[in-house]
Amino acid sequence: MPNVTIYTRQACGYCSAAKRLLQQKRIDFVEIDATGAPEKRREMIQRSGRMTFPQIFVGDRHVGGCDDLFALDRRGELDALIPA
């Protein structure tokens, strides 16, 4: 099963919403909190090419941020990425 990684920062409503969706769908994820950790933010930017939080990966595939995650779910593609 591919693992899900989400880069977050504290006090980020989009981060909370993305984590809540993953939890509701019972999708396990690894959270990398980049609050006060510039090296983790640099790592996120290098991997995703984006500077905003959150950034979400399924395995090595970058799926985007919160809006992208919700769009994947609406299209039924999120479940297909993560086998039961």
C-alpha atoms as a PDB file:
ATOM      1  CA  MET A   1       0.000   0.000   0.000  1.00  0.00           C
ATOM      2  CA  PRO A   2       1.443   3.394  -0.890  1.00  0.00           C
ATOM      3  CA  ASN A   3       2.092   5.614   2.042  1.00  0.00           C
ATOM      4  CA  VAL A   4       0.675   9.099   2.289  1.00  0.00           C
ATOM      5  CA  THR A   5       2.844  11.976   3.444  1.00  0.00           C
ATOM      6  CA  ILE A   6       1.485  15.416   4.256  1.00  0.00           C
ATOM      7  CA  TYR A   7       3.636  18.455   4.957  1.00  0.00           C
ATOM      8  CA  THR A   8       1.857  20.777   7.375  1.00  0.00           C
ATOM      9  CA  ARG A   9       2.332  23.767   9.609  1.00  0.00           C
ATOM     10  CA  GLN A  10       0.515  24.721  12.792  1.00  0.00           C
ATOM     11  CA  ALA A  11      -2.523  27.012  12.684  1.00  0.00           C
ATOM     12  CA  CYS A  12      -3.175  26.111   9.039  1.00  0.00           C
ATOM     13  CA  GLY A  13      -6.858  25.574   8.290  1.00  0.00           C
ATOM     14  CA  TYR A  14      -6.108  23.923   4.953  1.00  0.00           C
ATOM     15  CA  CYS A  15      -3.750  21.480   6.675  1.00  0.00           C
ATOM     16  CA  SER A  16      -6.441  20.623   9.238  1.00  0.00           C
ATOM     17  CA  ALA A  17      -9.059  20.118   6.507  1.00  0.00           C
ATOM     18  CA  ALA A  18      -6.782  17.827   4.479  1.00  0.00           C
ATOM     19  CA  LYS A  19      -5.885  15.748   7.547  1.00  0.00           C
ATOM     20  CA  ARG A  20      -9.559  15.533   8.521  1.00  0.00           C
ATOM     21  CA  LEU A  21     -10.489  14.205   5.055  1.00  0.00           C
ATOM     22  CA  LEU A  22      -7.749  11.579   5.220  1.00  0.00           C
ATOM     23  CA  GLN A  23      -8.853  10.558   8.719  1.00  0.00           C
ATOM     24  CA  GLN A  24     -12.529  10.355   7.687  1.00  0.00           C
ATOM     25  CA  LYS A  25     -11.526   8.081   4.825  1.00  0.00           C
ATOM     26  CA  ARG A  26      -9.400   6.017   7.245  1.00  0.00           C
ATOM     27  CA  ILE A  27      -6.269   6.690   5.220  1.00  0.00           C
ATOM     28  CA  ASP A  28      -3.106   6.417   7.269  1.00  0.00           C
ATOM     29  CA  PHE A  29      -0.597   9.198   6.723  1.00  0.00           C
ATOM     30  CA  VAL A  30       2.715  10.483   7.942  1.00  0.00           C
ATOM     31  CA  GLU A  31       2.607  14.130   8.953  1.00  0.00           C
ATOM     32  CA  ILE A  32       5.709  16.260   8.588  1.00  0.00           C
ATOM     33  CA  ASP A  33       5.170  19.419  10.631  1.00  0.00           C
ATOM     34  CA  ALA A  34       7.378  22.111   9.111  1.00  0.00           C
ATOM     35  CA  THR A  35       6.455  24.733  11.719  1.00  0.00           C
ATOM     36  CA  GLY A  36       9.736  26.264  12.824  1.00  0.00           C
ATOM     37  CA  ALA A  37      11.658  23.748  10.709  1.00  0.00           C
ATOM     38  CA  PRO A  38      13.080  25.534   7.649  1.00  0.00           C
ATOM     39  CA  GLU A  39      14.825  22.354   6.495  1.00  0.00           C
ATOM     40  CA  LYS A  40      11.460  20.538   6.295  1.00  0.00           C
ATOM     41  CA  ARG A  41       9.948  23.484   4.380  1.00  0.00           C
ATOM     42  CA  ARG A  42      12.877  23.384   1.927  1.00  0.00           C
ATOM     43  CA  GLU A  43      12.400  19.638   1.534  1.00  0.00           C
ATOM     44  CA  MET A  44       8.681  20.165   0.802  1.00  0.00           C
ATOM     45  CA  ILE A  45       9.406  22.878  -1.777  1.00  0.00           C
ATOM     46  CA  GLN A  46      12.067  20.740  -3.435  1.00  0.00           C
ATOM     47  CA  ARG A  47       9.732  17.738  -3.653  1.00  0.00           C
ATOM     48  CA  SER A  48       6.577  19.602  -4.703  1.00  0.00           C
ATOM     49  CA  GLY A  49       7.758  22.779  -6.414  1.00  0.00           C
ATOM     50  CA  ARG A  50       5.198  24.630  -4.287  1.00  0.00           C
ATOM     51  CA  MET A  51       5.591  26.889  -1.268  1.00  0.00           C
ATOM     52  CA  THR A  52       2.095  26.639   0.257  1.00  0.00           C
ATOM     53  CA  PHE A  53       0.836  24.253   2.917  1.00  0.00           C
ATOM     54  CA  PRO A  54      -0.186  21.509   2.941  1.00  0.00           C
ATOM     55  CA  GLN A  55       1.549  19.478   0.259  1.00  0.00           C
ATOM     56  CA  ILE A  56       0.455  15.872  -0.052  1.00  0.00           C
ATOM     57  CA  PHE A  57       2.172  12.859  -1.562  1.00  0.00           C
ATOM     58  CA  VAL A  58       0.993   9.312  -2.189  1.00  0.00           C
ATOM     59  CA  GLY A  59       4.205   7.358  -2.345  1.00  0.00           C
ATOM     60  CA  ASP A  60       6.413   9.475  -4.594  1.00  0.00           C
ATOM     61  CA  ARG A  61       3.455  11.003  -6.466  1.00  0.00           C
ATOM     62  CA  HIS A  62       2.710  14.627  -5.601  1.00  0.00           C
ATOM     63  CA  VAL A  63      -1.055  15.046  -5.489  1.00  0.00           C
ATOM     64  CA  GLY A  64      -0.970  18.729  -4.517  1.00  0.00           C
ATOM     65  CA  GLY A  65      -2.511  20.732  -1.720  1.00  0.00           C
ATOM     66  CA  CYS A  66      -5.803  20.670   0.156  1.00  0.00           C
ATOM     67  CA  ASP A  67      -7.979  21.778  -2.777  1.00  0.00           C
ATOM     68  CA  ASP A  68      -6.295  19.203  -5.023  1.00  0.00           C
ATOM     69  CA  LEU A  69      -6.928  16.454  -2.461  1.00  0.00           C
ATOM     70  CA  PHE A  70     -10.621  17.337  -2.200  1.00  0.00           C
ATOM     71  CA  ALA A  71     -10.904  17.496  -6.002  1.00  0.00           C
ATOM     72  CA  LEU A  72      -9.359  14.018  -6.283  1.00  0.00           C
ATOM     73  CA  ASP A  73     -11.877  12.755  -3.755  1.00  0.00           C
ATOM     74  CA  ARG A  74     -14.843  14.343  -5.560  1.00  0.00           C
ATOM     75  CA  ARG A  75     -13.758  12.668  -8.806  1.00  0.00           C
ATOM     76  CA  GLY A  76     -13.385   9.303  -7.044  1.00  0.00           C
ATOM     77  CA  GLU A  77      -9.681   9.204  -7.831  1.00  0.00           C
ATOM     78  CA  LEU A  78      -8.408   9.356  -4.254  1.00  0.00           C
ATOM     79  CA  ASP A  79      -9.803   5.936  -3.383  1.00  0.00           C
ATOM     80  CA  ALA A  80      -8.239   4.514  -6.555  1.00  0.00           C
ATOM     81  CA  LEU A  81      -4.807   5.811  -5.514  1.00  0.00           C
ATOM     82  CA  ILE A  82      -5.015   4.134  -2.125  1.00  0.00           C
ATOM     83  CA  PRO A  83      -6.128   0.509  -2.276  1.00  0.00           C
ATOM     84  CA  ALA A  84      -8.200  -0.783   0.618  1.00  0.00           C
END
